[in-house]
C-alpha atoms as a PDB file:
ATOM      1  CA  MET A   1       3.138  37.319  -7.967  1.00  0.00           C
ATOM      2  CA  ILE A   2      -0.536  36.356  -8.200  1.00  0.00           C
ATOM      3  CA  TYR A   3       0.512  32.718  -8.708  1.00  0.00           C
ATOM      4  CA  ALA A   4       2.583  32.861  -5.547  1.00  0.00           C
ATOM      5  CA  MET A   5      -0.340  34.222  -3.530  1.00  0.00           C
ATOM      6  CA  LEU A   6      -2.710  31.572  -4.869  1.00  0.00           C
ATOM      7  CA  PHE A   7      -0.090  28.966  -4.181  1.00  0.00           C
ATOM      8  CA  LEU A   8       0.311  30.024  -0.544  1.00  0.00           C
ATOM      9  CA  SER A   9      -3.423  29.924   0.063  1.00  0.00           C
ATOM     10  CA  PHE A  10      -3.510  26.402  -1.413  1.00  0.00           C
ATOM     11  CA  VAL A  11      -0.480  25.245   0.566  1.00  0.00           C
ATOM     12  CA  PHE A  12      -1.813  26.454   3.885  1.00  0.00           C
ATOM     13  CA  SER A  13      -5.158  24.785   3.236  1.00  0.00           C
ATOM     14  CA  GLU A  14      -3.307  21.498   2.578  1.00  0.00           C
ATOM     15  CA  PHE A  15      -0.634  21.930   5.276  1.00  0.00           C
ATOM     16  CA  PRO A  16      -0.395  19.003   7.709  1.00  0.00           C
ATOM     17  CA  THR A  17      -0.808  19.779  11.386  1.00  0.00           C
ATOM     18  CA  ARG A  18       2.212  17.686  12.446  1.00  0.00           C
ATOM     19  CA  THR A  19       5.462  19.625  12.285  1.00  0.00           C
ATOM     20  CA  THR A  20       9.027  19.155  13.434  1.00  0.00           C
ATOM     21  CA  PRO A  21      10.352  21.796  15.842  1.00  0.00           C
ATOM     22  CA  ILE A  22      12.799  24.156  14.194  1.00  0.00           C
ATOM     23  CA  ARG A  23      15.830  25.004  16.275  1.00  0.00           C
ATOM     24  CA  GLY A  24      16.221  28.732  17.061  1.00  0.00           C
ATOM     25  CA  SER A  25      16.170  30.443  13.716  1.00  0.00           C
ATOM     26  CA  GLN A  26      15.937  34.149  13.056  1.00  0.00           C
ATOM     27  CA  CYS A  27      13.951  35.347  10.029  1.00  0.00           C
ATOM     28  CA  PRO A  28      16.263  36.710   7.333  1.00  0.00           C
ATOM     29  CA  ASP A  29      15.266  40.212   6.263  1.00  0.00           C
ATOM     30  CA  LEU A  30      15.450  39.797   2.487  1.00  0.00           C
ATOM     31  CA  THR A  31      12.974  40.028  -0.355  1.00  0.00           C
ATOM     32  CA  TYR A  32      11.211  37.450  -2.511  1.00  0.00           C
ATOM     33  CA  GLU A  33      13.530  38.478  -5.356  1.00  0.00           C
ATOM     34  CA  SER A  34      16.503  37.260  -3.294  1.00  0.00           C
ATOM     35  CA  LEU A  35      15.630  33.674  -4.262  1.00  0.00           C
ATOM     36  CA  VAL A  36      15.154  34.252  -7.990  1.00  0.00           C
ATOM     37  CA  GLY A  37      17.856  32.574 -10.073  1.00  0.00           C
ATOM     38  CA  SER A  38      19.768  29.287 -10.076  1.00  0.00           C
ATOM     39  CA  TRP A  39      20.782  27.479  -6.879  1.00  0.00           C
ATOM     40  CA  TYR A  40      22.884  24.324  -6.421  1.00  0.00           C
ATOM     41  CA  GLY A  41      22.818  21.912  -3.483  1.00  0.00           C
ATOM     42  CA  ASP A  42      24.106  18.483  -2.609  1.00  0.00           C
ATOM     43  CA  HIS A  43      24.314  16.127   0.354  1.00  0.00           C
ATOM     44  CA  LYS A  44      24.832  12.518   1.282  1.00  0.00           C
ATOM     45  CA  LEU A  45      21.469  10.881   1.992  1.00  0.00           C
ATOM     46  CA  ASP A  46      22.985   7.880   3.783  1.00  0.00           C
ATOM     47  CA  LYS A  47      26.206   5.867   3.565  1.00  0.00           C
ATOM     48  CA  ASN A  48      25.249   4.491   0.133  1.00  0.00           C
ATOM     49  CA  SER A  49      23.535   7.380  -1.655  1.00  0.00           C
ATOM     50  CA  TYR A  50      24.203  10.948  -2.652  1.00  0.00           C
ATOM     51  CA  GLN A  51      21.836  13.645  -3.893  1.00  0.00           C
ATOM     52  CA  ARG A  52      22.494  16.847  -5.802  1.00  0.00           C
ATOM     53  CA  TRP A  53      20.099  19.295  -7.401  1.00  0.00           C
ATOM     54  CA  LEU A  54      19.832  22.456  -9.433  1.00  0.00           C
ATOM     55  CA  MET A  55      16.822  24.667  -8.638  1.00  0.00           C
ATOM     56  CA  LYS A  56      15.883  27.480 -11.003  1.00  0.00           C
ATOM     57  CA  ARG A  57      13.372  29.960  -9.577  1.00  0.00           C
ATOM     58  CA  PHE A  58      11.695  32.592 -11.730  1.00  0.00           C
ATOM     59  CA  GLU A  59      10.141  35.939 -10.750  1.00  0.00           C
ATOM     60  CA  ASN A  60       6.653  34.783 -11.739  1.00  0.00           C
ATOM     61  CA  GLY A  61       6.667  32.131  -8.963  1.00  0.00           C
ATOM     62  CA  TYR A  62       7.472  29.209 -11.272  1.00  0.00           C
ATOM     63  CA  TYR A  63      10.377  26.806 -10.645  1.00  0.00           C
ATOM     64  CA  GLU A  64      12.194  23.941 -12.322  1.00  0.00           C
ATOM     65  CA  VAL A  65      14.469  21.571 -10.412  1.00  0.00           C
ATOM     66  CA  THR A  66      16.623  18.686 -11.577  1.00  0.00           C
ATOM     67  CA  ILE A  67      17.561  16.211  -8.857  1.00  0.00           C
ATOM     68  CA  GLU A  68      20.171  13.477  -9.286  1.00  0.00           C
ATOM     69  CA  TYR A  69      20.253  10.523  -6.894  1.00  0.00           C
ATOM     70  CA  THR A  70      23.487   8.509  -7.078  1.00  0.00           C
ATOM     71  CA  ASP A  71      24.003   5.041  -5.627  1.00  0.00           C
ATOM     72  CA  LEU A  72      27.576   5.216  -4.316  1.00  0.00           C
ATOM     73  CA  ASN A  73      28.034   1.437  -4.575  1.00  0.00           C
ATOM     74  CA  THR A  74      27.002   1.033  -8.219  1.00  0.00           C
ATOM     75  CA  SER A  75      27.347   4.640  -9.511  1.00  0.00           C
ATOM     76  CA  GLU A  76      23.800   4.306 -10.877  1.00  0.00           C
ATOM     77  CA  VAL A  77      22.161   7.719 -11.278  1.00  0.00           C
ATOM     78  CA  VAL A  78      18.407   8.356 -11.174  1.00  0.00           C
ATOM     79  CA  ILE A  79      17.238  11.779 -12.377  1.00  0.00           C
ATOM     80  CA  GLU A  80      14.000  13.521 -11.423  1.00  0.00           C
ATOM     81  CA  LYS A  81      12.761  16.751 -12.971  1.00  0.00           C
ATOM     82  CA  HIS A  82      10.097  18.733 -11.145  1.00  0.00           C
ATOM     83  CA  GLN A  83       8.177  21.822 -12.225  1.00  0.00           C
ATOM     84  CA  GLY A  84       5.874  23.889 -10.105  1.00  0.00           C
ATOM     85  CA  LEU A  85       5.285  27.014  -8.063  1.00  0.00           C
ATOM     86  CA  TRP A  86       7.327  28.518  -5.235  1.00  0.00           C
ATOM     87  CA  SER A  87       6.874  31.297  -2.715  1.00  0.00           C
ATOM     88  CA  TYR A  88       8.872  33.072   0.003  1.00  0.00           C
ATOM     89  CA  SER A  89       7.713  35.430   2.725  1.00  0.00           C
ATOM     90  CA  LYS A  90       9.529  36.201   5.988  1.00  0.00           C
ATOM     91  CA  CYS A  91      10.655  32.809   7.347  1.00  0.00           C
ATOM     92  CA  LEU A  92       8.526  30.633   5.062  1.00  0.00           C
ATOM     93  CA  TYR A  93       9.672  29.135   1.781  1.00  0.00           C
ATOM     94  CA  SER A  94       7.312  26.758   0.001  1.00  0.00           C
ATOM     95  CA  THR A  95       7.135  24.683  -3.142  1.00  0.00           C
ATOM     96  CA  HIS A  96       4.206  23.075  -4.900  1.00  0.00           C
ATOM     97  CA  SER A  97       5.212  20.498  -7.494  1.00  0.00           C
ATOM     98  CA  LEU A  98       2.866  20.343 -10.492  1.00  0.00           C
ATOM     99  CA  LYS A  99       4.851  17.912 -12.675  1.00  0.00           C
ATOM    100  CA  MET A 100       7.494  15.253 -12.126  1.00  0.00           C
ATOM    101  CA  ASN A 101       9.320  13.951 -15.187  1.00  0.00           C
ATOM    102  CA  GLY A 102       6.629  15.530 -17.369  1.00  0.00           C
ATOM    103  CA  LYS A 103       3.693  13.819 -15.633  1.00  0.00           C
ATOM    104  CA  PRO A 104       1.130  15.579 -13.423  1.00  0.00           C
ATOM    105  CA  GLU A 105       1.978  15.549  -9.724  1.00  0.00           C
ATOM    106  CA  ARG A 106       0.658  17.380  -6.689  1.00  0.00           C
ATOM    107  CA  HIS A 107       3.035  17.725  -3.769  1.00  0.00           C
ATOM    108  CA  SER A 108       3.534  20.703  -1.454  1.00  0.00           C
ATOM    109  CA  THR A 109       6.355  21.329   0.992  1.00  0.00           C
ATOM    110  CA  ILE A 110       6.872  24.173   3.447  1.00  0.00           C
ATOM    111  CA  TYR A 111      10.258  25.097   4.866  1.00  0.00           C
ATOM    112  CA  ILE A 112      11.511  27.431   7.571  1.00  0.00           C
ATOM    113  CA  VAL A 113      14.309  29.665   6.285  1.00  0.00           C
ATOM    114  CA  SER A 114      17.202  29.907   8.727  1.00  0.00           C
ATOM    115  CA  GLU A 115      19.791  31.702   6.574  1.00  0.00           C
ATOM    116  CA  LEU A 116      19.536  33.677   3.372  1.00  0.00           C
ATOM    117  CA  ASP A 117      21.855  36.149   1.712  1.00  0.00           C
ATOM    118  CA  LYS A 118      22.819  36.932  -1.876  1.00  0.00           C
ATOM    119  CA  ASN A 119      24.794  33.695  -2.297  1.00  0.00           C
ATOM    120  CA  THR A 120      23.631  31.145   0.284  1.00  0.00           C
ATOM    121  CA  PHE A 121      20.305  29.753   1.418  1.00  0.00           C
ATOM    122  CA  LYS A 122      19.652  27.357   4.304  1.00  0.00           C
ATOM    123  CA  TYR A 123      16.181  25.984   5.009  1.00  0.00           C
ATOM    124  CA  GLN A 124      14.533  23.160   6.939  1.00  0.00           C
ATOM    125  CA  SER A 125      11.468  21.039   6.171  1.00  0.00           C
ATOM    126  CA  THR A 126       8.636  21.632   8.628  1.00  0.00           C
ATOM    127  CA  VAL A 127       7.538  17.995   8.276  1.00  0.00           C
ATOM    128  CA  THR A 128      10.743  15.914   8.125  1.00  0.00           C
ATOM    129  CA  GLY A 129      13.153  18.298   9.845  1.00  0.00           C
ATOM    130  CA  LEU A 130      15.729  17.765   7.069  1.00  0.00           C
ATOM    131  CA  GLN A 131      17.975  20.768   6.487  1.00  0.00           C
ATOM    132  CA  TYR A 132      19.111  21.922   3.058  1.00  0.00           C
ATOM    133  CA  TYR A 133      21.938  24.260   2.126  1.00  0.00           C
ATOM    134  CA  VAL A 134      22.293  25.691  -1.378  1.00  0.00           C
ATOM    135  CA  THR A 135      24.522  28.234  -3.077  1.00  0.00           C
ATOM    136  CA  LYS A 136      23.682  30.612  -5.897  1.00  0.00           C
ATOM    137  CA  VAL A 137      25.232  29.704  -9.253  1.00  0.00           C
ATOM    138  CA  ASP A 138      25.286  31.289 -12.695  1.00  0.00           C
ATOM    139  CA  ASP A 139      22.108  30.790 -14.706  1.00  0.00           C
ATOM    140  CA  ASP A 140      24.023  28.734 -17.315  1.00  0.00           C
ATOM    141  CA  PHE A 141      25.322  26.303 -14.651  1.00  0.00           C
ATOM    142  CA  GLU A 142      24.447  22.639 -15.335  1.00  0.00           C
ATOM    143  CA  LEU A 143      24.694  19.618 -13.071  1.00  0.00           C
ATOM    144  CA  ASN A 144      27.048  17.825 -15.446  1.00  0.00           C
ATOM    145  CA  SER A 145      29.496  20.746 -15.100  1.00  0.00           C
ATOM    146  CA  THR A 146      30.342  19.573 -11.556  1.00  0.00           C
ATOM    147  CA  ASP A 147      31.602  16.118 -12.650  1.00  0.00           C
END
């Protein structure tokens, strides 16, 4: 929990002033622990590319995510693996990437949470306005199990 608090203070000190308006969302009344576990999401980025990811969040504020980008024309797949810190409080969900593909990286993102229950999570980037929707999966779920 201390990592999460340190992370939030860092994120807010680095947070850009430009944000995208979030359309009428109500803060879900759930706990930090609601997001612990494995979550799967996917969406089409544009007419030629598709993205899917598996996010694993741990109670200590650490996360690991594997993201697959697929070119729908060539079927080429590019995989990114990120590790870092995450936090959730009221309507704010944030991530701070510390490593990408094993190399040091520093990238923070803050999201507004619009829906959250035991099995589904919907959130929107405060900078880009992109919305994400993920569902809770078993901890032994792997991306290749959806092929």
